[in-house]
Amino acid sequence: MIHRSPFTVIKKRGNMKRLSIIFLILAIGLSACGRKDPAPLGADAPGDNVPNIVGSYALNGFDPGGEEYGGTLSITDGEQPNEYKLQWLVTGAIHEGTGILAGNQLTATWHSISETDQTISGSASYTVTINGELYGTRSIDGVESPGTETAYPNPK
């Protein structure tokens, strides 16, 4: 039987605390390095050979005012062929919609289900690349200019 003193436990806890502080400093330092530009997109998918778009995506966008945002886009199969259900999780808001894929073009209408005191809606139009990325515009009803979005598939 091995007997350990209470000081051994304290010493180990001290090392864990020190290690946690090092990781925290490292994380803060890396976040201050600035974001790099996203990876280049693949070529547009041929209209007759579009990859499966069902899945989860990392979303990068610019709203109509030019403010950058990020979030998640989830796409699931709809009830009809070439129909999809879309859900955006962006800056604390949840938007959902339905889209139709025609060739390599995904067009959708959407509305907010979790927002501030107001309900918003709009449309989206994306091009699908050979790598399954999506890029295009997302508009808000009543706002003249659209925003832009790029969605990168998350690993499965």
C-alpha atoms as a PDB file:
ATOM      1  CA  MET A   1       0.000   0.000   0.000  1.00  0.00           C
ATOM      2  CA  ILE A   2       1.308   3.407  -1.025  1.00  0.00           C
ATOM      3  CA  HIS A   3       0.793   6.275   1.367  1.00  0.00           C
ATOM      4  CA  ARG A   4       0.725   9.786   0.008  1.00  0.00           C
ATOM      5  CA  SER A   5       0.887  12.874   2.067  1.00  0.00           C
ATOM      6  CA  PRO A   6      -1.738  15.579   1.740  1.00  0.00           C
ATOM      7  CA  PHE A   7       1.029  17.803   0.387  1.00  0.00           C
ATOM      8  CA  THR A   8       1.346  15.597  -2.716  1.00  0.00           C
ATOM      9  CA  VAL A   9      -2.302  16.276  -3.579  1.00  0.00           C
ATOM     10  CA  ILE A  10      -1.868  20.016  -3.043  1.00  0.00           C
ATOM     11  CA  LYS A  11       1.234  20.007  -5.210  1.00  0.00           C
ATOM     12  CA  LYS A  12      -0.637  18.205  -8.018  1.00  0.00           C
ATOM     13  CA  ARG A  13      -3.547  20.639  -7.756  1.00  0.00           C
ATOM     14  CA  GLY A  14      -1.083  23.518  -7.968  1.00  0.00           C
ATOM     15  CA  ASN A  15       0.371  22.066 -11.167  1.00  0.00           C
ATOM     16  CA  MET A  16      -3.128  21.679 -12.647  1.00  0.00           C
ATOM     17  CA  LYS A  17      -3.947  25.284 -11.775  1.00  0.00           C
ATOM     18  CA  ARG A  18      -0.695  26.442 -13.330  1.00  0.00           C
ATOM     19  CA  LEU A  19      -1.417  24.386 -16.463  1.00  0.00           C
ATOM     20  CA  SER A  20      -4.939  25.838 -16.685  1.00  0.00           C
ATOM     21  CA  ILE A  21      -3.542  29.361 -16.481  1.00  0.00           C
ATOM     22  CA  ILE A  22      -1.024  28.593 -19.233  1.00  0.00           C
ATOM     23  CA  PHE A  23      -3.807  27.287 -21.503  1.00  0.00           C
ATOM     24  CA  LEU A  24      -5.923  30.368 -20.769  1.00  0.00           C
ATOM     25  CA  ILE A  25      -3.045  32.704 -21.657  1.00  0.00           C
ATOM     26  CA  LEU A  26      -2.363  30.697 -24.813  1.00  0.00           C
ATOM     27  CA  ALA A  27      -6.028  30.883 -25.870  1.00  0.00           C
ATOM     28  CA  ILE A  28      -6.160  34.645 -25.296  1.00  0.00           C
ATOM     29  CA  GLY A  29      -2.925  35.133 -27.197  1.00  0.00           C
ATOM     30  CA  LEU A  30      -4.073  33.088 -30.168  1.00  0.00           C
ATOM     31  CA  SER A  31      -7.421  34.870 -30.345  1.00  0.00           C
ATOM     32  CA  ALA A  32      -5.615  38.201 -30.463  1.00  0.00           C
ATOM     33  CA  CYS A  33      -3.652  37.130 -33.553  1.00  0.00           C
ATOM     34  CA  GLY A  34      -6.549  38.104 -35.822  1.00  0.00           C
ATOM     35  CA  ARG A  35      -8.630  36.000 -38.124  1.00  0.00           C
ATOM     36  CA  LYS A  36      -7.293  34.822 -41.412  1.00  0.00           C
ATOM     37  CA  ASP A  37      -9.304  34.845 -44.584  1.00  0.00           C
ATOM     38  CA  PRO A  38     -11.398  31.702 -45.079  1.00  0.00           C
ATOM     39  CA  ALA A  39     -10.160  28.970 -47.355  1.00  0.00           C
ATOM     40  CA  PRO A  40     -10.820  29.524 -51.050  1.00  0.00           C
ATOM     41  CA  LEU A  41     -14.057  28.044 -52.339  1.00  0.00           C
ATOM     42  CA  GLY A  42     -14.179  25.182 -54.777  1.00  0.00           C
ATOM     43  CA  ALA A  43     -15.420  25.677 -58.324  1.00  0.00           C
ATOM     44  CA  ASP A  44     -19.165  25.855 -58.888  1.00  0.00           C
ATOM     45  CA  ALA A  45     -20.656  22.359 -59.072  1.00  0.00           C
ATOM     46  CA  PRO A  46     -21.974  21.319 -62.492  1.00  0.00           C
ATOM     47  CA  GLY A  47     -25.768  21.540 -62.484  1.00  0.00           C
ATOM     48  CA  ASP A  48     -26.089  17.820 -63.179  1.00  0.00           C
ATOM     49  CA  ASN A  49     -23.554  16.686 -60.551  1.00  0.00           C
ATOM     50  CA  VAL A  50     -24.208  18.605 -57.315  1.00  0.00           C
ATOM     51  CA  PRO A  51     -22.883  17.084 -54.070  1.00  0.00           C
ATOM     52  CA  ASN A  52     -25.285  16.182 -51.278  1.00  0.00           C
ATOM     53  CA  ILE A  53     -25.970  19.358 -49.284  1.00  0.00           C
ATOM     54  CA  VAL A  54     -27.571  17.727 -46.233  1.00  0.00           C
ATOM     55  CA  GLY A  55     -25.478  18.460 -43.139  1.00  0.00           C
ATOM     56  CA  SER A  56     -24.118  21.096 -40.803  1.00  0.00           C
ATOM     57  CA  TYR A  57     -22.148  24.116 -41.993  1.00  0.00           C
ATOM     58  CA  ALA A  58     -19.937  26.786 -40.432  1.00  0.00           C
ATOM     59  CA  LEU A  59     -21.418  30.076 -41.599  1.00  0.00           C
ATOM     60  CA  ASN A  60     -19.584  33.341 -42.284  1.00  0.00           C
ATOM     61  CA  GLY A  61     -21.491  36.394 -43.402  1.00  0.00           C
ATOM     62  CA  PHE A  62     -21.758  40.133 -43.758  1.00  0.00           C
ATOM     63  CA  ASP A  63     -25.098  41.778 -43.039  1.00  0.00           C
ATOM     64  CA  PRO A  64     -26.442  44.537 -45.334  1.00  0.00           C
ATOM     65  CA  GLY A  65     -24.635  47.131 -43.186  1.00  0.00           C
ATOM     66  CA  GLY A  66     -21.276  45.390 -43.691  1.00  0.00           C
ATOM     67  CA  GLU A  67     -21.042  43.926 -40.170  1.00  0.00           C
ATOM     68  CA  GLU A  68     -19.398  40.499 -40.080  1.00  0.00           C
ATOM     69  CA  TYR A  69     -21.115  37.622 -38.289  1.00  0.00           C
ATOM     70  CA  GLY A  70     -20.762  33.876 -37.888  1.00  0.00           C
ATOM     71  CA  GLY A  71     -22.985  30.992 -37.022  1.00  0.00           C
ATOM     72  CA  THR A  72     -24.218  27.596 -38.078  1.00  0.00           C
ATOM     73  CA  LEU A  73     -26.422  26.521 -40.956  1.00  0.00           C
ATOM     74  CA  SER A  74     -28.110  23.112 -40.795  1.00  0.00           C
ATOM     75  CA  ILE A  75     -29.710  21.575 -43.866  1.00  0.00           C
ATOM     76  CA  THR A  76     -32.009  18.542 -43.784  1.00  0.00           C
ATOM     77  CA  ASP A  77     -34.114  16.824 -46.423  1.00  0.00           C
ATOM     78  CA  GLY A  78     -37.526  18.341 -47.093  1.00  0.00           C
ATOM     79  CA  GLU A  79     -40.762  16.553 -47.892  1.00  0.00           C
ATOM     80  CA  GLN A  80     -40.408  16.711 -51.707  1.00  0.00           C
ATOM     81  CA  PRO A  81     -37.505  15.857 -54.057  1.00  0.00           C
ATOM     82  CA  ASN A  82     -34.950  18.692 -54.190  1.00  0.00           C
ATOM     83  CA  GLU A  83     -36.629  20.391 -51.215  1.00  0.00           C
ATOM     84  CA  TYR A  84     -34.622  21.147 -48.088  1.00  0.00           C
ATOM     85  CA  LYS A  85     -35.246  22.532 -44.619  1.00  0.00           C
ATOM     86  CA  LEU A  86     -32.718  25.093 -43.457  1.00  0.00           C
ATOM     87  CA  GLN A  87     -31.988  26.427 -39.983  1.00  0.00           C
ATOM     88  CA  TRP A  88     -29.616  29.298 -39.254  1.00  0.00           C
ATOM     89  CA  LEU A  89     -28.207  29.895 -35.748  1.00  0.00           C
ATOM     90  CA  VAL A  90     -26.704  33.364 -35.924  1.00  0.00           C
ATOM     91  CA  THR A  91     -25.768  35.696 -33.051  1.00  0.00           C
ATOM     92  CA  GLY A  92     -28.336  34.242 -30.682  1.00  0.00           C
ATOM     93  CA  ALA A  93     -31.173  34.174 -33.214  1.00  0.00           C
ATOM     94  CA  ILE A  94     -32.759  31.143 -34.865  1.00  0.00           C
ATOM     95  CA  HIS A  95     -34.128  31.422 -38.394  1.00  0.00           C
ATOM     96  CA  GLU A  96     -35.700  28.586 -40.370  1.00  0.00           C
ATOM     97  CA  GLY A  97     -36.773  28.187 -43.932  1.00  0.00           C
ATOM     98  CA  THR A  98     -37.427  25.958 -46.887  1.00  0.00           C
ATOM     99  CA  GLY A  99     -35.292  25.799 -49.999  1.00  0.00           C
ATOM    100  CA  ILE A 100     -35.414  24.295 -53.478  1.00  0.00           C
ATOM    101  CA  LEU A 101     -32.294  23.021 -55.246  1.00  0.00           C
ATOM    102  CA  ALA A 102     -32.357  23.491 -59.031  1.00  0.00           C
ATOM    103  CA  GLY A 103     -29.057  22.524 -60.620  1.00  0.00           C
ATOM    104  CA  ASN A 104     -26.396  24.075 -58.406  1.00  0.00           C
ATOM    105  CA  GLN A 105     -28.689  26.893 -57.173  1.00  0.00           C
ATOM    106  CA  LEU A 106     -30.365  26.690 -53.760  1.00  0.00           C
ATOM    107  CA  THR A 107     -33.080  29.302 -53.238  1.00  0.00           C
ATOM    108  CA  ALA A 108     -34.940  29.623 -49.957  1.00  0.00           C
ATOM    109  CA  THR A 109     -37.393  31.699 -47.996  1.00  0.00           C
ATOM    110  CA  TRP A 110     -36.899  32.044 -44.245  1.00  0.00           C
ATOM    111  CA  HIS A 111     -38.368  33.600 -41.100  1.00  0.00           C
ATOM    112  CA  SER A 112     -37.229  34.116 -37.528  1.00  0.00           C
ATOM    113  CA  ILE A 113     -38.410  31.771 -34.807  1.00  0.00           C
ATOM    114  CA  SER A 114     -36.251  33.255 -32.051  1.00  0.00           C
ATOM    115  CA  GLU A 115     -35.418  36.914 -32.267  1.00  0.00           C
ATOM    116  CA  THR A 116     -35.923  40.088 -30.361  1.00  0.00           C
ATOM    117  CA  ASP A 117     -39.416  41.580 -30.095  1.00  0.00           C
ATOM    118  CA  GLN A 118     -39.911  41.532 -33.860  1.00  0.00           C
ATOM    119  CA  THR A 119     -40.330  38.793 -36.420  1.00  0.00           C
ATOM    120  CA  ILE A 120     -38.219  39.086 -39.546  1.00  0.00           C
ATOM    121  CA  SER A 121     -38.250  37.159 -42.796  1.00  0.00           C
ATOM    122  CA  GLY A 122     -36.492  37.107 -46.118  1.00  0.00           C
ATOM    123  CA  SER A 123     -34.969  35.031 -48.864  1.00  0.00           C
ATOM    124  CA  ALA A 124     -31.636  33.438 -49.667  1.00  0.00           C
ATOM    125  CA  SER A 125     -29.891  32.334 -52.830  1.00  0.00           C
ATOM    126  CA  TYR A 126     -26.769  30.177 -52.782  1.00  0.00           C
ATOM    127  CA  THR A 127     -24.532  28.508 -55.346  1.00  0.00           C
ATOM    128  CA  VAL A 128     -23.237  25.017 -54.449  1.00  0.00           C
ATOM    129  CA  THR A 129     -19.553  24.249 -55.158  1.00  0.00           C
ATOM    130  CA  ILE A 130     -17.927  20.919 -56.037  1.00  0.00           C
ATOM    131  CA  ASN A 131     -16.750  20.727 -52.393  1.00  0.00           C
ATOM    132  CA  GLY A 132     -20.297  21.177 -51.050  1.00  0.00           C
ATOM    133  CA  GLU A 133     -19.727  24.763 -49.917  1.00  0.00           C
ATOM    134  CA  LEU A 134     -22.497  27.308 -50.349  1.00  0.00           C
ATOM    135  CA  TYR A 135     -22.065  30.973 -51.181  1.00  0.00           C
ATOM    136  CA  GLY A 136     -24.534  33.682 -52.027  1.00  0.00           C
ATOM    137  CA  THR A 137     -26.855  36.268 -50.581  1.00  0.00           C
ATOM    138  CA  ARG A 138     -29.444  36.435 -47.848  1.00  0.00           C
ATOM    139  CA  SER A 139     -31.985  39.235 -47.850  1.00  0.00           C
ATOM    140  CA  ILE A 140     -34.248  40.644 -45.151  1.00  0.00           C
ATOM    141  CA  ASP A 141     -37.710  41.713 -46.262  1.00  0.00           C
ATOM    142  CA  GLY A 142     -37.908  45.521 -46.228  1.00  0.00           C
ATOM    143  CA  VAL A 143     -34.130  46.014 -46.409  1.00  0.00           C
ATOM    144  CA  GLU A 144     -32.893  47.178 -49.800  1.00  0.00           C
ATOM    145  CA  SER A 145     -29.439  45.557 -49.912  1.00  0.00           C
ATOM    146  CA  PRO A 146     -28.770  41.859 -49.293  1.00  0.00           C
ATOM    147  CA  GLY A 147     -26.057  40.459 -47.080  1.00  0.00           C
ATOM    148  CA  THR A 148     -23.591  37.827 -48.222  1.00  0.00           C
ATOM    149  CA  GLU A 149     -22.959  34.397 -46.733  1.00  0.00           C
ATOM    150  CA  THR A 150     -20.526  31.568 -47.217  1.00  0.00           C
ATOM    151  CA  ALA A 151     -21.162  28.163 -45.632  1.00  0.00           C
ATOM    152  CA  TYR A 152     -18.440  25.528 -45.204  1.00  0.00           C
ATOM    153  CA  PRO A 153     -19.465  21.907 -44.526  1.00  0.00           C
ATOM    154  CA  ASN A 154     -18.499  20.652 -41.083  1.00  0.00           C
ATOM    155  CA  PRO A 155     -16.682  17.300 -41.047  1.00  0.00           C
ATOM    156  CA  LYS A 156     -19.045  14.374 -40.661  1.00  0.00           C
END
